[in-house]
Amino acid sequence: MTAGILLCGLVAVASVFSFAVRTNSANRQVAVATTLLSDKMEELRSAPFTDPVWMNAIGSETLVIAGERYVRAWQIKSGTPRTVTVIIYTQSQALTRRQSELIRATTLVSPSF
């Protein structure tokens, strides 16, 4: 009887520990994704409209940070102001190797006067 109660308690503690590890991992991914998105937006914001970075209407790059693979994709729509969308994905380590979107941001950019 006592062993059964102890076993149930240990299973509950293991479950909570597993949940905490998964949550910590997800929070770390979102923090990295937020930084990657911010860096790309700042790169685009600081580039003049004549910069070649504006010529790549669609682009992506793969980055490996702390052993995790992230894909940073962006799309720039022509016109004034230009619509810029940046999306950060992570590649699942599961058998499917599917990408999961972590964060997305869209903004308008116009030439400075």
Protein backbone atom coordinates (compact mmCIF):
# COMPACT_ATOMS: atom_id res chain seq x y z
CA MET A 1 0.00 0.00 0.00
CA THR A 2 2.74 2.46 1.00
CA ALA A 3 4.75 1.53 -2.08
CA GLY A 4 1.74 2.32 -4.30
CA ILE A 5 1.30 5.76 -2.75
CA LEU A 6 5.04 6.44 -3.09
CA LEU A 7 4.97 5.30 -6.71
CA CYS A 8 2.03 7.61 -7.51
CA GLY A 9 3.88 10.52 -5.90
CA LEU A 10 7.05 9.83 -7.89
CA VAL A 11 5.11 9.59 -11.16
CA ALA A 12 3.49 12.97 -10.42
CA VAL A 13 6.88 14.57 -9.66
CA ALA A 14 8.38 13.09 -12.85
CA SER A 15 5.44 14.44 -14.86
CA VAL A 16 5.89 17.95 -13.47
CA PHE A 17 9.64 17.80 -14.12
CA SER A 18 9.05 16.72 -17.74
CA PHE A 19 6.56 19.55 -18.24
CA ALA A 20 9.04 22.08 -16.81
CA VAL A 21 11.81 20.90 -19.16
CA ARG A 22 9.55 21.16 -22.24
CA THR A 23 8.33 24.61 -21.19
CA ASN A 24 11.88 25.83 -20.61
CA SER A 25 12.92 24.59 -24.06
CA ALA A 26 9.94 26.29 -25.74
CA ASN A 27 10.65 29.57 -23.91
CA ARG A 28 14.31 29.44 -25.00
CA GLN A 29 13.25 28.91 -28.62
CA VAL A 30 10.89 31.88 -28.52
CA ALA A 31 13.58 34.09 -26.95
CA VAL A 32 16.08 33.15 -29.68
CA ALA A 33 13.41 33.64 -32.37
CA THR A 34 12.56 37.09 -31.03
CA THR A 35 16.23 38.10 -31.18
CA LEU A 36 16.62 36.75 -34.74
CA LEU A 37 13.51 38.61 -35.88
CA SER A 38 14.63 41.84 -34.24
CA ASP A 39 18.09 41.58 -35.81
CA LYS A 40 16.66 41.14 -39.31
CA MET A 41 14.18 43.98 -38.88
CA GLU A 42 16.98 46.26 -37.66
CA GLU A 43 19.18 45.24 -40.61
CA LEU A 44 16.40 46.14 -43.04
CA ARG A 45 15.49 49.35 -41.21
CA SER A 46 19.05 50.64 -41.27
CA ALA A 47 19.67 49.85 -44.95
CA PRO A 48 18.98 52.62 -47.47
CA PHE A 49 16.42 51.86 -50.18
CA THR A 50 19.25 51.65 -52.73
CA ASP A 51 20.93 48.82 -50.78
CA PRO A 52 20.96 45.38 -52.46
CA VAL A 53 19.21 43.90 -49.42
CA TRP A 54 15.98 45.44 -50.78
CA MET A 55 16.43 43.67 -54.14
CA ASN A 56 15.90 40.22 -52.59
CA ALA A 57 12.11 40.30 -52.38
CA ILE A 58 12.05 36.82 -50.87
CA GLY A 59 14.87 35.30 -48.89
CA SER A 60 15.72 32.88 -46.16
CA GLU A 61 18.68 31.67 -44.20
CA THR A 62 19.30 28.77 -41.86
CA LEU A 63 21.00 29.45 -38.54
CA VAL A 64 22.14 26.94 -35.93
CA ILE A 65 22.13 28.36 -32.40
CA ALA A 66 22.89 26.22 -29.34
CA GLY A 67 22.42 23.08 -31.40
CA GLU A 68 18.96 24.06 -32.66
CA ARG A 69 18.20 24.87 -36.29
CA TYR A 70 16.25 28.04 -37.05
CA VAL A 71 15.08 29.30 -40.44
CA ARG A 72 14.68 33.05 -40.86
CA ALA A 73 12.53 33.91 -43.88
CA TRP A 74 11.52 37.34 -45.14
CA GLN A 75 9.41 38.84 -47.87
CA ILE A 76 9.57 42.41 -49.13
CA LYS A 77 6.70 43.72 -51.24
CA SER A 78 7.55 46.54 -53.62
CA GLY A 79 6.00 49.96 -53.51
CA THR A 80 6.20 52.89 -51.17
CA PRO A 81 5.95 52.17 -48.34
CA ARG A 82 7.27 48.64 -48.62
CA THR A 83 5.70 45.85 -46.62
CA VAL A 84 8.28 43.70 -44.86
CA THR A 85 7.40 40.37 -43.25
CA VAL A 86 9.91 38.31 -41.28
CA ILE A 87 9.11 34.82 -39.99
CA ILE A 88 11.23 32.61 -37.74
CA TYR A 89 10.78 28.84 -37.85
CA THR A 90 12.38 26.05 -35.88
CA GLN A 91 12.93 22.61 -37.29
CA SER A 92 11.42 19.86 -35.20
CA GLN A 93 13.81 17.17 -33.99
CA ALA A 94 11.05 14.58 -34.41
CA LEU A 95 10.98 12.05 -37.21
CA THR A 96 8.91 14.33 -39.44
CA ARG A 97 11.48 17.18 -39.44
CA ARG A 98 8.61 19.65 -39.88
CA GLN A 99 9.09 23.35 -39.41
CA SER A 100 7.11 25.15 -36.72
CA GLU A 101 6.55 28.88 -36.89
CA LEU A 102 7.74 30.58 -33.72
CA ILE A 103 7.20 34.27 -34.46
CA ARG A 104 6.15 36.57 -37.30
CA ALA A 105 6.23 40.34 -37.72
CA THR A 106 5.08 42.63 -40.53
CA THR A 107 5.87 46.31 -40.83
CA LEU A 108 5.84 49.13 -43.36
CA VAL A 109 9.10 50.78 -44.35
CA SER A 110 9.39 54.01 -46.29
CA PRO A 111 12.40 56.09 -47.33
CA SER A 112 13.59 58.61 -44.76
CA PHE A 113 13.48 62.22 -45.65
